[in-house]
Amino acid sequence: MSKLPRISSREAIRALEKLGFEKVRQTGSHVILQLKTEAGTIGCVVPAHSELKIGTLSGILKQANVDSQDFIDQL
């Protein structure tokens, strides 16, 4: 597993959008993204923070079923 960088929520959302996710809505400080696949819909929640902790980013990637290296390549 590649070491995840310390990035902002905007950078994380931009990278997830490059991977095909779409911003569905924002509730307070949480942005909800979805990706529609043949197997169903994958959703993830990104908190709108100036800097995401590594554990938080790791949890977002697990929710989104995204490999960390694929994510880093999109930054």
PDB file of N, CA and C in Angstrom:
ATOM      1  N   MET A   1       0.848  -1.183   0.000  1.00  0.00           N
ATOM      2  CA  MET A   1       0.000   0.000   0.000  1.00  0.00           C
ATOM      3  C   MET A   1       0.887   1.238   0.000  1.00  0.00           C
ATOM      4  N   SER A   2       0.611   2.146  -0.898  1.00  0.00           N
ATOM      5  CA  SER A   2       1.378   3.377  -0.997  1.00  0.00           C
ATOM      6  C   SER A   2       1.039   4.296   0.162  1.00  0.00           C
ATOM      7  N   LYS A   3       2.010   5.107   0.528  1.00  0.00           N
ATOM      8  CA  LYS A   3       1.785   6.057   1.607  1.00  0.00           C
ATOM      9  C   LYS A   3       0.876   7.174   1.101  1.00  0.00           C
ATOM     10  N   LEU A   4      -0.195   7.420   1.837  1.00  0.00           N
ATOM     11  CA  LEU A   4      -1.153   8.446   1.432  1.00  0.00           C
ATOM     12  C   LEU A   4      -0.640   9.825   1.822  1.00  0.00           C
ATOM     13  N   PRO A   5      -0.818  10.817   0.964  1.00  0.00           N
ATOM     14  CA  PRO A   5      -0.375  12.178   1.266  1.00  0.00           C
ATOM     15  C   PRO A   5      -1.384  12.925   2.130  1.00  0.00           C
ATOM     16  N   ARG A   6      -0.960  13.989   2.773  1.00  0.00           N
ATOM     17  CA  ARG A   6      -1.861  14.874   3.509  1.00  0.00           C
ATOM     18  C   ARG A   6      -2.404  15.873   2.494  1.00  0.00           C
ATOM     19  N   ILE A   7      -3.687  15.786   2.195  1.00  0.00           N
ATOM     20  CA  ILE A   7      -4.298  16.658   1.197  1.00  0.00           C
ATOM     21  C   ILE A   7      -5.579  17.257   1.759  1.00  0.00           C
ATOM     22  N   SER A   8      -6.094  18.253   1.050  1.00  0.00           N
ATOM     23  CA  SER A   8      -7.359  18.868   1.455  1.00  0.00           C
ATOM     24  C   SER A   8      -8.523  18.066   0.885  1.00  0.00           C
ATOM     25  N   SER A   9      -9.710  18.348   1.393  1.00  0.00           N
ATOM     26  CA  SER A   9     -10.891  17.656   0.885  1.00  0.00           C
ATOM     27  C   SER A   9     -11.151  18.015  -0.576  1.00  0.00           C
ATOM     28  N   ARG A  10     -10.846  19.249  -0.968  1.00  0.00           N
ATOM     29  CA  ARG A  10     -11.040  19.644  -2.375  1.00  0.00           C
ATOM     30  C   ARG A  10     -10.193  18.793  -3.305  1.00  0.00           C
ATOM     31  N   GLU A  11      -8.933  18.553  -2.919  1.00  0.00           N
ATOM     32  CA  GLU A  11      -8.050  17.726  -3.737  1.00  0.00           C
ATOM     33  C   GLU A  11      -8.559  16.284  -3.800  1.00  0.00           C
ATOM     34  N   ALA A  12      -9.057  15.778  -2.671  1.00  0.00           N
ATOM     35  CA  ALA A  12      -9.586  14.415  -2.636  1.00  0.00           C
ATOM     36  C   ALA A  12     -10.814  14.289  -3.526  1.00  0.00           C
ATOM     37  N   ILE A  13     -11.704  15.271  -3.448  1.00  0.00           N
ATOM     38  CA  ILE A  13     -12.918  15.247  -4.271  1.00  0.00           C
ATOM     39  C   ILE A  13     -12.554  15.324  -5.750  1.00  0.00           C
ATOM     40  N   ARG A  14     -11.610  16.171  -6.099  1.00  0.00           N
ATOM     41  CA  ARG A  14     -11.183  16.312  -7.491  1.00  0.00           C
ATOM     42  C   ARG A  14     -10.613  14.994  -8.016  1.00  0.00           C
ATOM     43  N   ALA A  15      -9.795  14.315  -7.208  1.00  0.00           N
ATOM     44  CA  ALA A  15      -9.207  13.038  -7.629  1.00  0.00           C
ATOM     45  C   ALA A  15     -10.294  11.966  -7.785  1.00  0.00           C
ATOM     46  N   LEU A  16     -11.258  11.935  -6.863  1.00  0.00           N
ATOM     47  CA  LEU A  16     -12.356  10.963  -6.973  1.00  0.00           C
ATOM     48  C   LEU A  16     -13.223  11.246  -8.197  1.00  0.00           C
ATOM     49  N   GLU A  17     -13.421  12.522  -8.523  1.00  0.00           N
ATOM     50  CA  GLU A  17     -14.190  12.866  -9.730  1.00  0.00           C
ATOM     51  C   GLU A  17     -13.460  12.411 -10.984  1.00  0.00           C
ATOM     52  N   LYS A  18     -12.129  12.466 -10.982  1.00  0.00           N
ATOM     53  CA  LYS A  18     -11.360  11.967 -12.125  1.00  0.00           C
ATOM     54  C   LYS A  18     -11.519  10.457 -12.276  1.00  0.00           C
ATOM     55  N   LEU A  19     -11.792   9.784 -11.150  1.00  0.00           N
ATOM     56  CA  LEU A  19     -12.011   8.336 -11.171  1.00  0.00           C
ATOM     57  C   LEU A  19     -13.449   7.965 -11.513  1.00  0.00           C
ATOM     58  N   GLY A  20     -14.303   8.964 -11.773  1.00  0.00           N
ATOM     59  CA  GLY A  20     -15.664   8.696 -12.219  1.00  0.00           C
ATOM     60  C   GLY A  20     -16.751   9.017 -11.211  1.00  0.00           C
ATOM     61  N   PHE A  21     -16.396   9.403 -10.000  1.00  0.00           N
ATOM     62  CA  PHE A  21     -17.402   9.741  -8.998  1.00  0.00           C
ATOM     63  C   PHE A  21     -18.043  11.081  -9.331  1.00  0.00           C
ATOM     64  N   GLU A  22     -19.308  11.229  -8.942  1.00  0.00           N
ATOM     65  CA  GLU A  22     -20.038  12.485  -9.145  1.00  0.00           C
ATOM     66  C   GLU A  22     -20.502  13.017  -7.803  1.00  0.00           C
ATOM     67  N   LYS A  23     -20.427  14.338  -7.644  1.00  0.00           N
ATOM     68  CA  LYS A  23     -20.923  14.951  -6.420  1.00  0.00           C
ATOM     69  C   LYS A  23     -22.445  14.936  -6.470  1.00  0.00           C
ATOM     70  N   VAL A  24     -23.063  14.290  -5.480  1.00  0.00           N
ATOM     71  CA  VAL A  24     -24.513  14.153  -5.435  1.00  0.00           C
ATOM     72  C   VAL A  24     -25.124  15.293  -4.641  1.00  0.00           C
ATOM     73  N   ARG A  25     -24.576  15.518  -3.442  1.00  0.00           N
ATOM     74  CA  ARG A  25     -25.100  16.594  -2.602  1.00  0.00           C
ATOM     75  C   ARG A  25     -24.090  16.914  -1.513  1.00  0.00           C
ATOM     76  N   GLN A  26     -24.382  17.978  -0.775  1.00  0.00           N
ATOM     77  CA  GLN A  26     -23.567  18.343   0.376  1.00  0.00           C
ATOM     78  C   GLN A  26     -24.507  18.620   1.540  1.00  0.00           C
ATOM     79  N   THR A  27     -24.258  17.943   2.646  1.00  0.00           N
ATOM     80  CA  THR A  27     -25.037  18.145   3.849  1.00  0.00           C
ATOM     81  C   THR A  27     -24.096  18.696   4.913  1.00  0.00           C
ATOM     82  N   GLY A  28     -24.226  19.966   5.221  1.00  0.00           N
ATOM     83  CA  GLY A  28     -23.315  20.589   6.180  1.00  0.00           C
ATOM     84  C   GLY A  28     -21.901  20.572   5.641  1.00  0.00           C
ATOM     85  N   SER A  29     -20.999  19.964   6.402  1.00  0.00           N
ATOM     86  CA  SER A  29     -19.601  19.925   5.977  1.00  0.00           C
ATOM     87  C   SER A  29     -19.221  18.576   5.357  1.00  0.00           C
ATOM     88  N   HIS A  30     -20.200  17.807   4.899  1.00  0.00           N
ATOM     89  CA  HIS A  30     -19.936  16.507   4.297  1.00  0.00           C
ATOM     90  C   HIS A  30     -20.431  16.465   2.855  1.00  0.00           C
ATOM     91  N   VAL A  31     -19.520  16.115   1.951  1.00  0.00           N
ATOM     92  CA  VAL A  31     -19.839  16.010   0.524  1.00  0.00           C
ATOM     93  C   VAL A  31     -20.060  14.539   0.208  1.00  0.00           C
ATOM     94  N   ILE A  32     -21.177  14.225  -0.431  1.00  0.00           N
ATOM     95  CA  ILE A  32     -21.517  12.851  -0.781  1.00  0.00           C
ATOM     96  C   ILE A  32     -21.257  12.652  -2.270  1.00  0.00           C
ATOM     97  N   LEU A  33     -20.451  11.624  -2.579  1.00  0.00           N
ATOM     98  CA  LEU A  33     -20.098  11.297  -3.957  1.00  0.00           C
ATOM     99  C   LEU A  33     -20.617   9.899  -4.278  1.00  0.00           C
ATOM    100  N   GLN A  34     -20.964   9.681  -5.559  1.00  0.00           N
ATOM    101  CA  GLN A  34     -21.443   8.372  -5.996  1.00  0.00           C
ATOM    102  C   GLN A  34     -20.814   7.989  -7.322  1.00  0.00           C
ATOM    103  N   LEU A  35     -20.668   6.675  -7.503  1.00  0.00           N
ATOM    104  CA  LEU A  35     -20.208   6.108  -8.764  1.00  0.00           C
ATOM    105  C   LEU A  35     -21.169   4.996  -9.125  1.00  0.00           C
ATOM    106  N   LYS A  36     -21.787   5.093 -10.292  1.00  0.00           N
ATOM    107  CA  LYS A  36     -22.719   4.057 -10.745  1.00  0.00           C
ATOM    108  C   LYS A  36     -21.943   3.050 -11.586  1.00  0.00           C
ATOM    109  N   THR A  37     -22.046   1.768 -11.190  1.00  0.00           N
ATOM    110  CA  THR A  37     -21.389   0.683 -11.902  1.00  0.00           C
ATOM    111  C   THR A  37     -22.434  -0.349 -12.296  1.00  0.00           C
ATOM    112  N   GLU A  38     -22.010  -1.354 -13.046  1.00  0.00           N
ATOM    113  CA  GLU A  38     -22.924  -2.428 -13.427  1.00  0.00           C
ATOM    114  C   GLU A  38     -23.389  -3.209 -12.202  1.00  0.00           C
ATOM    115  N   ALA A  39     -22.513  -3.323 -11.205  1.00  0.00           N
ATOM    116  CA  ALA A  39     -22.835  -4.078  -9.994  1.00  0.00           C
ATOM    117  C   ALA A  39     -23.706  -3.292  -9.030  1.00  0.00           C
ATOM    118  N   GLY A  40     -23.814  -1.998  -9.224  1.00  0.00           N
ATOM    119  CA  GLY A  40     -24.615  -1.161  -8.335  1.00  0.00           C
ATOM    120  C   GLY A  40     -23.984   0.203  -8.154  1.00  0.00           C
ATOM    121  N   THR A  41     -24.400   0.890  -7.106  1.00  0.00           N
ATOM    122  CA  THR A  41     -23.908   2.234  -6.832  1.00  0.00           C
ATOM    123  C   THR A  41     -22.950   2.200  -5.649  1.00  0.00           C
ATOM    124  N   ILE A  42     -21.811   2.866  -5.817  1.00  0.00           N
ATOM    125  CA  ILE A  42     -20.823   2.992  -4.751  1.00  0.00           C
ATOM    126  C   ILE A  42     -20.872   4.429  -4.262  1.00  0.00           C
ATOM    127  N   GLY A  43     -20.993   4.607  -2.972  1.00  0.00           N
ATOM    128  CA  GLY A  43     -21.049   5.948  -2.408  1.00  0.00           C
ATOM    129  C   GLY A  43     -19.958   6.161  -1.389  1.00  0.00           C
ATOM    130  N   CYS A  44     -19.548   7.406  -1.218  1.00  0.00           N
ATOM    131  CA  CYS A  44     -18.590   7.744  -0.178  1.00  0.00           C
ATOM    132  C   CYS A  44     -18.859   9.164   0.305  1.00  0.00           C
ATOM    133  N   VAL A  45     -18.435   9.424   1.533  1.00  0.00           N
ATOM    134  CA  VAL A  45     -18.655  10.715   2.171  1.00  0.00           C
ATOM    135  C   VAL A  45     -17.297  11.337   2.461  1.00  0.00           C
ATOM    136  N   VAL A  46     -17.101  12.579   2.013  1.00  0.00           N
ATOM    137  CA  VAL A  46     -15.847  13.292   2.239  1.00  0.00           C
ATOM    138  C   VAL A  46     -16.141  14.507   3.104  1.00  0.00           C
ATOM    139  N   PRO A  47     -15.535  14.589   4.298  1.00  0.00           N
ATOM    140  CA  PRO A  47     -15.737  15.779   5.125  1.00  0.00           C
ATOM    141  C   PRO A  47     -14.979  16.966   4.530  1.00  0.00           C
ATOM    142  N   ALA A  48     -15.608  18.124   4.509  1.00  0.00           N
ATOM    143  CA  ALA A  48     -15.006  19.319   3.909  1.00  0.00           C
ATOM    144  C   ALA A  48     -14.052  19.966   4.914  1.00  0.00           C
ATOM    145  N   HIS A  49     -12.824  19.446   4.981  1.00  0.00           N
ATOM    146  CA  HIS A  49     -11.791  19.964   5.874  1.00  0.00           C
ATOM    147  C   HIS A  49     -10.634  20.514   5.055  1.00  0.00           C
ATOM    148  N   SER A  50      -9.896  21.440   5.652  1.00  0.00           N
ATOM    149  CA  SER A  50      -8.753  22.011   4.937  1.00  0.00           C
ATOM    150  C   SER A  50      -7.642  20.980   4.781  1.00  0.00           C
ATOM    151  N   GLU A  51      -7.544  20.037   5.717  1.00  0.00           N
ATOM    152  CA  GLU A  51      -6.565  18.956   5.599  1.00  0.00           C
ATOM    153  C   GLU A  51      -7.161  17.685   6.193  1.00  0.00           C
ATOM    154  N   LEU A  52      -7.194  16.622   5.388  1.00  0.00           N
ATOM    155  CA  LEU A  52      -7.743  15.342   5.832  1.00  0.00           C
ATOM    156  C   LEU A  52      -6.654  14.539   6.539  1.00  0.00           C
ATOM    157  N   LYS A  53      -7.000  13.919   7.648  1.00  0.00           N
ATOM    158  CA  LYS A  53      -6.059  13.027   8.320  1.00  0.00           C
ATOM    159  C   LYS A  53      -5.887  11.776   7.477  1.00  0.00           C
ATOM    160  N   ILE A  54      -4.755  11.109   7.632  1.00  0.00           N
ATOM    161  CA  ILE A  54      -4.446   9.925   6.834  1.00  0.00           C
ATOM    162  C   ILE A  54      -5.492   8.830   7.069  1.00  0.00           C
ATOM    163  N   GLY A  55      -5.895   8.628   8.311  1.00  0.00           N
ATOM    164  CA  GLY A  55      -6.898   7.614   8.622  1.00  0.00           C
ATOM    165  C   GLY A  55      -8.244   7.915   7.988  1.00  0.00           C
ATOM    166  N   THR A  56      -8.607   9.199   7.966  1.00  0.00           N
ATOM    167  CA  THR A  56      -9.867   9.613   7.342  1.00  0.00           C
ATOM    168  C   THR A  56      -9.819   9.353   5.840  1.00  0.00           C
ATOM    169  N   LEU A  57      -8.714   9.724   5.215  1.00  0.00           N
ATOM    170  CA  LEU A  57      -8.559   9.507   3.774  1.00  0.00           C
ATOM    171  C   LEU A  57      -8.576   8.013   3.456  1.00  0.00           C
ATOM    172  N   SER A  58      -7.932   7.216   4.293  1.00  0.00           N
ATOM    173  CA  SER A  58      -7.930   5.770   4.099  1.00  0.00           C
ATOM    174  C   SER A  58      -9.349   5.217   4.186  1.00  0.00           C
ATOM    175  N   GLY A  59     -10.141   5.705   5.129  1.00  0.00           N
ATOM    176  CA  GLY A  59     -11.531   5.274   5.262  1.00  0.00           C
ATOM    177  C   GLY A  59     -12.374   5.659   4.062  1.00  0.00           C
ATOM    178  N   ILE A  60     -12.120   6.856   3.525  1.00  0.00           N
ATOM    179  CA  ILE A  60     -12.851   7.310   2.337  1.00  0.00           C
ATOM    180  C   ILE A  60     -12.554   6.384   1.159  1.00  0.00           C
ATOM    181  N   LEU A  61     -11.283   6.017   0.995  1.00  0.00           N
ATOM    182  CA  LEU A  61     -10.900   5.145  -0.118  1.00  0.00           C
ATOM    183  C   LEU A  61     -11.486   3.748   0.047  1.00  0.00           C
ATOM    184  N   LYS A  62     -11.594   3.257   1.281  1.00  0.00           N
ATOM    185  CA  LYS A  62     -12.229   1.953   1.520  1.00  0.00           C
ATOM    186  C   LYS A  62     -13.711   2.012   1.171  1.00  0.00           C
ATOM    187  N   GLN A  63     -14.376   3.093   1.585  1.00  0.00           N
ATOM    188  CA  GLN A  63     -15.793   3.272   1.253  1.00  0.00           C
ATOM    189  C   GLN A  63     -16.002   3.280  -0.250  1.00  0.00           C
ATOM    190  N   ALA A  64     -15.083   3.939  -0.961  1.00  0.00           N
ATOM    191  CA  ALA A  64     -15.215   4.115  -2.400  1.00  0.00           C
ATOM    192  C   ALA A  64     -14.684   2.934  -3.206  1.00  0.00           C
ATOM    193  N   ASN A  65     -14.099   1.937  -2.530  1.00  0.00           N
ATOM    194  CA  ASN A  65     -13.484   0.787  -3.209  1.00  0.00           C
ATOM    195  C   ASN A  65     -12.431   1.232  -4.218  1.00  0.00           C
ATOM    196  N   VAL A  66     -11.587   2.180  -3.812  1.00  0.00           N
ATOM    197  CA  VAL A  66     -10.545   2.719  -4.682  1.00  0.00           C
ATOM    198  C   VAL A  66      -9.184   2.326  -4.118  1.00  0.00           C
ATOM    199  N   ASP A  67      -8.316   1.810  -4.976  1.00  0.00           N
ATOM    200  CA  ASP A  67      -6.955   1.476  -4.586  1.00  0.00           C
ATOM    201  C   ASP A  67      -6.176   2.763  -4.321  1.00  0.00           C
ATOM    202  N   SER A  68      -5.351   2.759  -3.289  1.00  0.00           N
ATOM    203  CA  SER A  68      -4.621   3.982  -2.927  1.00  0.00           C
ATOM    204  C   SER A  68      -3.689   4.449  -4.043  1.00  0.00           C
ATOM    205  N   GLN A  69      -3.072   3.520  -4.772  1.00  0.00           N
ATOM    206  CA  GLN A  69      -2.166   3.930  -5.859  1.00  0.00           C
ATOM    207  C   GLN A  69      -2.944   4.576  -7.001  1.00  0.00           C
ATOM    208  N   ASP A  70      -4.128   4.055  -7.323  1.00  0.00           N
ATOM    209  CA  ASP A  70      -4.974   4.672  -8.354  1.00  0.00           C
ATOM    210  C   ASP A  70      -5.352   6.082  -7.945  1.00  0.00           C
ATOM    211  N   PHE A  71      -5.664   6.240  -6.648  1.00  0.00           N
ATOM    212  CA  PHE A  71      -6.037   7.551  -6.128  1.00  0.00           C
ATOM    213  C   PHE A  71      -4.870   8.532  -6.233  1.00  0.00           C
ATOM    214  N   ILE A  72      -3.687   8.089  -5.814  1.00  0.00           N
ATOM    215  CA  ILE A  72      -2.497   8.956  -5.842  1.00  0.00           C
ATOM    216  C   ILE A  72      -2.166   9.360  -7.272  1.00  0.00           C
ATOM    217  N   ASP A  73      -2.355   8.454  -8.221  1.00  0.00           N
ATOM    218  CA  ASP A  73      -2.081   8.757  -9.635  1.00  0.00           C
ATOM    219  C   ASP A  73      -2.983   9.874 -10.159  1.00  0.00           C
ATOM    220  N   GLN A  74      -4.163  10.054  -9.573  1.00  0.00           N
ATOM    221  CA  GLN A  74      -5.114  11.079 -10.029  1.00  0.00           C
ATOM    222  C   GLN A  74      -4.857  12.459  -9.400  1.00  0.00           C
ATOM    223  N   LEU A  75      -3.981  12.516  -8.398  1.00  0.00           N
ATOM    224  CA  LEU A  75      -3.704  13.813  -7.743  1.00  0.00           C
ATOM    225  C   LEU A  75      -2.874  14.716  -8.624  1.00  0.00           C
TER     226      LEU A  75
END
